[in-house]
Amino acid sequence: RGAGFAFSVSFCSKPAVSAAFVGIEVMPGTNLAVVAFLSTWATLVASVPVENGDTKGDYTVCETDVCKQRAKLINESIDECVDPCEDFYSYACGGWIKRHNISESKSWTGTFNLLRDELRETLKSILENMTLVYEGQNITDKAAVAYNACMAVPELGDQPDVMRAIMNLSGLTHWPIASDSEEIFENCSEVLNKTTIFTVLSVHVSRDIKNLNSNIIGLDQIGFSPVGRNELIHPEKERSKKIIGAYKKLIQSALRFMKPNLSDDELRNISDTLVNFEGQLANLTDPPEERRDLLKIYHRTTIGELQK
């Protein structure tokens, strides 16, 4: 069950959307896209406090600028030329789909993605402009101090010692390994024991898309950020050259930071090896355009089956 709202429309004209809340019951066989869209609408409307409202009938209409912006977003998401009784998904989401193309680097996009980006930028602005408080802190003060401490790291003089201590605690004392004479790992299990599985697989806990009443452990391919899958697979392409070149420079900077005595040739060889290996891993994954249908990449199993 979820929160929703009632609305009325006239085809191919401006639809009238009201904030009269109703209940939505998810029945077996319900189109999850429709449920997700209605839930998004409910979130957008419910997130705005009702102020300066006019009472009309048994519900209140919000007249603030924020409410009007939310209503505009909802109106633009609708395709008024589609009969909702014939194709409710196209009716409810058609306008939004027409206005938001999926970029080549992504397998999907949605309202929550856009809201997440907007929220991230808002939080960044707030944290960067707060007055730092070091005594009697509340949770917001602590977040601001932590954020600014992370951003100030490049200006600290003790960063090499701090990073070496972190690497030692992680069991990666000898990284980067520049020659065959240094200690190396014997097998993949030993490497994963040090670096964790997150370096080769994405692991998360989320709602089961086929059974919304239960959570599952999700295993998926990694995203190869910040470079990108296609750039790693095709570094020779013109659009990839600058990105791969900048990525190798970043790797070389990290290598020299950890071992200042490395030669330029060693830096180039190690960075080339690392990028080539990432390219091999990326080539084992599916491209974003083949992952847009979540049901096609959904394969439910048990931990017991995986252990076999």
Protein backbone atom coordinates (compact mmCIF):
# COMPACT_ATOMS: atom_id res chain seq x y z
CA ARG A 1 0.00 0.00 0.00
CA GLY A 2 1.24 3.50 -0.71
CA ALA A 3 0.13 7.11 -0.81
CA GLY A 4 -1.24 8.59 -4.00
CA PHE A 5 -3.63 11.31 -5.10
CA ALA A 6 -6.62 11.88 -7.31
CA PHE A 7 -6.49 13.86 -10.52
CA SER A 8 -8.68 14.82 -13.43
CA VAL A 9 -7.69 15.49 -17.02
CA SER A 10 -9.00 16.55 -20.39
CA PHE A 11 -7.22 14.92 -23.30
CA CYS A 12 -4.64 16.99 -25.23
CA SER A 13 -5.14 19.96 -22.91
CA LYS A 14 -3.71 21.09 -19.64
CA PRO A 15 -4.61 18.46 -17.04
CA ALA A 16 -5.87 19.57 -13.68
CA VAL A 17 -4.03 17.88 -10.83
CA SER A 18 -5.33 18.03 -7.29
CA ALA A 19 -3.62 17.04 -4.07
CA ALA A 20 -6.47 14.96 -2.70
CA PHE A 21 -4.70 11.93 -1.25
CA VAL A 22 -6.06 8.45 -1.80
CA GLY A 23 -4.77 4.95 -1.14
CA ILE A 24 -3.01 2.76 -3.69
CA GLU A 25 -3.11 -0.98 -3.15
CA VAL A 26 -0.56 -3.06 -5.06
CA MET A 27 -2.43 -6.11 -6.31
CA PRO A 28 -0.84 -9.22 -7.88
CA GLY A 29 0.06 -8.54 -11.50
CA THR A 30 0.12 -4.77 -11.05
CA ASN A 31 2.47 -2.99 -13.45
CA LEU A 32 5.41 -1.99 -11.25
CA ALA A 33 6.22 0.96 -13.51
CA VAL A 34 2.77 2.40 -12.84
CA VAL A 35 3.15 1.87 -9.09
CA ALA A 36 6.59 3.49 -9.14
CA PHE A 37 5.27 6.48 -11.09
CA LEU A 38 2.35 7.03 -8.72
CA SER A 39 4.68 6.65 -5.76
CA THR A 40 6.97 9.28 -7.28
CA TRP A 41 4.04 11.65 -7.72
CA ALA A 42 3.03 11.07 -4.12
CA THR A 43 6.60 11.74 -2.96
CA LEU A 44 6.83 14.98 -4.92
CA VAL A 45 3.57 16.28 -3.56
CA ALA A 46 3.95 14.96 -0.01
CA SER A 47 7.43 16.47 0.32
CA VAL A 48 6.00 19.98 0.09
CA PRO A 49 4.26 21.40 3.18
CA VAL A 50 0.82 22.82 2.42
CA GLU A 51 0.94 26.56 3.00
CA ASN A 52 -1.18 29.46 1.86
CA GLY A 53 -3.75 26.92 0.72
CA ASP A 54 -7.33 27.44 -0.34
CA THR A 55 -9.86 24.95 0.92
CA LYS A 56 -11.88 23.53 -1.96
CA GLY A 57 -14.39 20.88 -1.02
CA ASP A 58 -12.88 18.33 1.35
CA TYR A 59 -9.24 18.93 0.38
CA THR A 60 -6.73 21.80 0.43
CA VAL A 61 -4.92 23.13 -2.65
CA CYS A 62 -1.42 24.45 -2.02
CA GLU A 63 -0.74 27.80 -3.70
CA THR A 64 2.97 28.28 -2.89
CA ASP A 65 5.64 28.58 -5.60
CA VAL A 66 7.14 25.23 -4.58
CA CYS A 67 3.78 23.50 -4.91
CA LYS A 68 3.26 25.09 -8.31
CA GLN A 69 6.66 23.82 -9.45
CA ARG A 70 5.74 20.29 -8.35
CA ALA A 71 2.40 20.54 -10.13
CA LYS A 72 4.16 21.74 -13.30
CA LEU A 73 6.49 18.73 -13.13
CA ILE A 74 3.52 16.37 -12.80
CA ASN A 75 1.65 18.03 -15.66
CA GLU A 76 4.68 17.78 -17.93
CA SER A 77 5.01 14.08 -17.14
CA ILE A 78 1.58 13.30 -18.60
CA ASP A 79 0.91 12.59 -22.26
CA GLU A 80 -2.57 14.07 -22.57
CA CYS A 81 -3.13 12.59 -26.02
CA VAL A 82 -3.11 9.01 -24.71
CA ASP A 83 -6.23 7.38 -23.31
CA PRO A 84 -5.31 6.14 -19.80
CA CYS A 85 -7.88 3.35 -20.12
CA GLU A 86 -5.99 2.03 -23.16
CA ASP A 87 -2.37 2.61 -22.08
CA PHE A 88 -1.99 4.05 -18.61
CA TYR A 89 1.81 3.78 -18.61
CA SER A 90 2.16 5.92 -21.76
CA TYR A 91 -0.45 8.33 -20.42
CA ALA A 92 1.20 8.73 -17.00
CA CYS A 93 4.85 8.68 -18.12
CA GLY A 94 4.80 9.60 -21.82
CA GLY A 95 5.43 13.31 -21.36
CA TRP A 96 8.33 12.67 -18.99
CA ILE A 97 9.91 10.13 -21.35
CA LYS A 98 9.73 12.56 -24.28
CA ARG A 99 11.53 15.24 -22.25
CA HIS A 100 14.26 13.04 -20.75
CA ASN A 101 16.47 10.92 -23.01
CA ILE A 102 18.70 8.23 -21.54
CA SER A 103 22.33 9.12 -22.21
CA GLU A 104 24.64 6.58 -23.82
CA SER A 105 26.55 6.15 -20.57
CA LYS A 106 23.47 5.12 -18.54
CA SER A 107 21.15 2.14 -18.57
CA TRP A 108 18.24 4.09 -17.04
CA THR A 109 17.15 7.41 -15.63
CA GLY A 110 14.15 8.60 -13.68
CA THR A 111 12.66 11.22 -11.41
CA PHE A 112 14.49 9.86 -8.39
CA ASN A 113 17.82 10.10 -10.24
CA LEU A 114 17.19 13.77 -11.01
CA LEU A 115 16.03 14.47 -7.45
CA ARG A 116 19.13 12.68 -6.10
CA ASP A 117 21.40 14.88 -8.23
CA GLU A 118 19.53 17.99 -7.12
CA LEU A 119 19.74 16.92 -3.47
CA ARG A 120 23.47 16.24 -3.76
CA GLU A 121 24.13 19.72 -5.13
CA THR A 122 21.93 21.29 -2.45
CA LEU A 123 23.73 19.45 0.37
CA LYS A 124 27.12 20.35 -1.12
CA SER A 125 26.17 24.02 -1.15
CA ILE A 126 24.90 23.90 2.44
CA LEU A 127 27.98 22.10 3.82
CA GLU A 128 30.40 24.40 2.01
CA ASN A 129 28.76 27.55 3.38
CA MET A 130 28.20 26.52 7.00
CA THR A 131 30.11 28.06 9.89
CA LEU A 132 32.18 25.23 11.39
CA VAL A 133 31.41 24.45 15.04
CA TYR A 134 33.83 22.27 17.04
CA GLU A 135 32.19 22.28 20.49
CA GLY A 136 28.66 21.31 21.43
CA GLN A 137 28.07 19.94 17.95
CA ASN A 138 24.77 18.68 16.62
CA ILE A 139 24.60 16.16 13.76
CA THR A 140 24.63 18.92 11.12
CA ASP A 141 27.74 20.50 12.64
CA LYS A 142 29.50 17.12 12.59
CA ALA A 143 28.58 16.56 8.94
CA ALA A 144 29.96 19.98 8.00
CA VAL A 145 33.24 19.37 9.86
CA ALA A 146 33.65 15.93 8.27
CA TYR A 147 32.95 17.27 4.77
CA ASN A 148 35.37 20.17 5.09
CA ALA A 149 38.04 17.91 6.61
CA CYS A 150 37.84 15.65 3.54
CA MET A 151 38.01 18.62 1.17
CA ALA A 152 41.05 20.00 3.04
CA VAL A 153 43.12 16.80 2.72
CA PRO A 154 45.20 18.04 -0.28
CA GLU A 155 46.45 20.92 1.87
CA LEU A 156 47.67 18.74 4.76
CA GLY A 157 51.39 18.02 5.11
CA ASP A 158 51.06 14.59 6.76
CA GLN A 159 49.03 12.92 4.02
CA PRO A 160 51.77 10.46 2.85
CA ASP A 161 52.17 9.02 6.35
CA VAL A 162 48.40 8.81 6.82
CA MET A 163 47.89 7.00 3.50
CA ARG A 164 50.72 4.54 4.20
CA ALA A 165 49.19 3.76 7.57
CA ILE A 166 45.83 3.08 5.91
CA MET A 167 47.45 0.82 3.29
CA ASN A 168 49.35 -1.08 5.99
CA LEU A 169 46.18 -1.65 8.00
CA SER A 170 44.49 -2.90 4.82
CA GLY A 171 47.23 -5.47 4.25
CA LEU A 172 48.53 -3.73 1.13
CA THR A 173 51.91 -2.72 2.53
CA HIS A 174 53.84 -3.18 -0.71
CA TRP A 175 51.47 -1.42 -3.12
CA PRO A 176 52.32 -0.48 -5.77
CA ILE A 177 54.31 -3.56 -6.80
CA ALA A 178 56.86 -2.35 -9.32
CA SER A 179 59.02 -5.45 -9.86
CA ASP A 180 58.88 -9.25 -9.76
CA SER A 181 61.20 -9.29 -6.76
CA GLU A 182 58.55 -7.81 -4.49
CA GLU A 183 55.90 -9.77 -2.63
CA ILE A 184 52.91 -10.64 -4.82
CA PHE A 185 49.58 -12.35 -4.26
CA GLU A 186 49.40 -15.99 -5.30
CA ASN A 187 45.70 -16.22 -6.24
CA CYS A 188 42.51 -14.22 -6.71
CA SER A 189 41.06 -15.30 -3.35
CA GLU A 190 43.99 -13.73 -1.56
CA VAL A 191 43.56 -10.50 -3.52
CA LEU A 192 39.81 -10.33 -2.83
CA ASN A 193 40.47 -11.00 0.84
CA LYS A 194 42.47 -7.77 0.91
CA THR A 195 40.50 -5.58 -1.49
CA THR A 196 36.97 -7.03 -0.85
CA ILE A 197 34.58 -8.27 -3.53
CA PHE A 198 33.34 -4.73 -4.25
CA THR A 199 36.29 -4.25 -6.63
CA VAL A 200 34.80 -6.77 -9.10
CA LEU A 201 31.12 -7.01 -8.13
CA SER A 202 28.44 -4.61 -6.97
CA VAL A 203 26.74 -5.91 -3.81
CA HIS A 204 23.68 -4.28 -2.25
CA VAL A 205 20.53 -5.00 -0.28
CA SER A 206 17.31 -3.78 -1.89
CA ARG A 207 13.60 -4.48 -2.36
CA ASP A 208 12.84 -7.52 -4.53
CA ILE A 209 11.23 -6.11 -7.70
CA LYS A 210 9.11 -9.27 -8.06
CA ASN A 211 8.14 -9.47 -4.40
CA LEU A 212 7.91 -6.04 -2.80
CA ASN A 213 7.35 -7.54 0.65
CA SER A 214 10.90 -8.92 0.88
CA ASN A 215 14.46 -7.69 0.57
CA ILE A 216 17.24 -9.43 -1.34
CA ILE A 217 21.02 -9.35 -1.60
CA GLY A 218 21.76 -8.05 -5.09
CA LEU A 219 24.87 -8.97 -7.08
CA ASP A 220 25.56 -6.96 -10.21
CA GLN A 221 28.38 -5.80 -12.45
CA ILE A 222 30.36 -2.75 -11.38
CA GLY A 223 30.01 0.61 -13.07
CA PHE A 224 33.69 1.39 -13.85
CA SER A 225 33.47 4.95 -12.61
CA PRO A 226 34.88 7.53 -12.98
CA VAL A 227 36.15 6.54 -16.44
CA GLY A 228 33.29 4.59 -17.98
CA ARG A 229 32.86 1.13 -19.47
CA ASN A 230 32.92 2.14 -23.13
CA GLU A 231 36.04 4.28 -22.69
CA LEU A 232 37.94 1.38 -21.09
CA ILE A 233 36.92 -1.04 -23.84
CA HIS A 234 37.66 1.39 -26.68
CA PRO A 235 40.54 3.60 -25.48
CA GLU A 236 41.62 4.17 -29.09
CA LYS A 237 38.47 6.13 -29.96
CA GLU A 238 38.89 9.88 -30.22
CA ARG A 239 36.33 10.65 -27.48
CA SER A 240 38.07 8.17 -25.15
CA LYS A 241 41.68 9.32 -25.57
CA LYS A 242 41.47 12.40 -23.33
CA ILE A 243 39.57 10.51 -20.63
CA ILE A 244 41.95 7.54 -20.60
CA GLY A 245 44.96 9.86 -20.73
CA ALA A 246 43.71 11.82 -17.71
CA TYR A 247 42.92 8.57 -15.88
CA LYS A 248 46.46 7.28 -16.41
CA LYS A 249 47.89 10.56 -15.11
CA LEU A 250 45.72 10.20 -12.01
CA ILE A 251 47.00 6.65 -11.46
CA GLN A 252 50.59 7.77 -11.94
CA SER A 253 50.11 10.56 -9.40
CA ALA A 254 48.81 8.03 -6.86
CA LEU A 255 51.73 5.69 -7.61
CA ARG A 256 54.32 8.43 -7.18
CA PHE A 257 52.57 9.59 -4.01
CA MET A 258 52.98 6.12 -2.47
CA LYS A 259 56.47 5.45 -3.90
CA PRO A 260 58.31 8.66 -4.86
CA ASN A 261 61.34 6.69 -6.10
CA LEU A 262 59.49 5.08 -9.05
CA SER A 263 60.88 6.00 -12.47
CA ASP A 264 58.77 7.49 -15.26
CA ASP A 265 58.95 4.20 -17.19
CA GLU A 266 57.73 2.26 -14.16
CA LEU A 267 54.87 4.69 -13.69
CA ARG A 268 53.80 4.33 -17.33
CA ASN A 269 54.09 0.53 -17.30
CA ILE A 270 52.05 0.11 -14.12
CA SER A 271 49.33 2.57 -15.20
CA ASP A 272 49.10 0.90 -18.63
CA THR A 273 48.80 -2.53 -17.00
CA LEU A 274 46.08 -1.38 -14.61
CA VAL A 275 44.01 0.34 -17.31
CA ASN A 276 44.35 -2.64 -19.67
CA PHE A 277 43.18 -4.98 -16.91
CA GLU A 278 40.18 -2.77 -16.20
CA GLY A 279 39.40 -2.84 -19.91
CA GLN A 280 39.38 -6.66 -19.83
CA LEU A 281 36.99 -6.63 -16.89
CA ALA A 282 34.75 -4.08 -18.62
CA ASN A 283 34.64 -6.25 -21.73
CA LEU A 284 33.13 -9.06 -19.65
CA THR A 285 30.12 -6.93 -18.72
CA ASP A 286 26.93 -6.08 -20.60
CA PRO A 287 26.58 -2.61 -22.18
CA PRO A 288 24.03 -0.20 -20.63
CA GLU A 289 21.61 -0.46 -23.56
CA GLU A 290 21.20 -4.21 -22.90
CA ARG A 291 20.34 -3.63 -19.23
CA ARG A 292 17.34 -1.33 -19.49
CA ASP A 293 14.81 -4.11 -18.92
CA LEU A 294 15.34 -5.05 -15.27
CA LEU A 295 13.27 -8.21 -15.58
CA LYS A 296 15.62 -9.60 -18.24
CA ILE A 297 18.64 -9.33 -15.94
CA TYR A 298 16.70 -10.56 -12.90
CA HIS A 299 17.86 -14.03 -11.84
CA ARG A 300 16.76 -15.00 -8.35
CA THR A 301 18.64 -17.76 -6.56
CA THR A 302 19.66 -18.72 -3.03
CA ILE A 303 22.91 -18.36 -1.13
CA GLY A 304 23.05 -22.15 -1.00
CA GLU A 305 22.92 -22.40 -4.78
CA LEU A 306 25.69 -19.82 -5.12
CA GLN A 307 27.90 -21.73 -2.70
CA LYS A 308 27.65 -24.84 -4.90
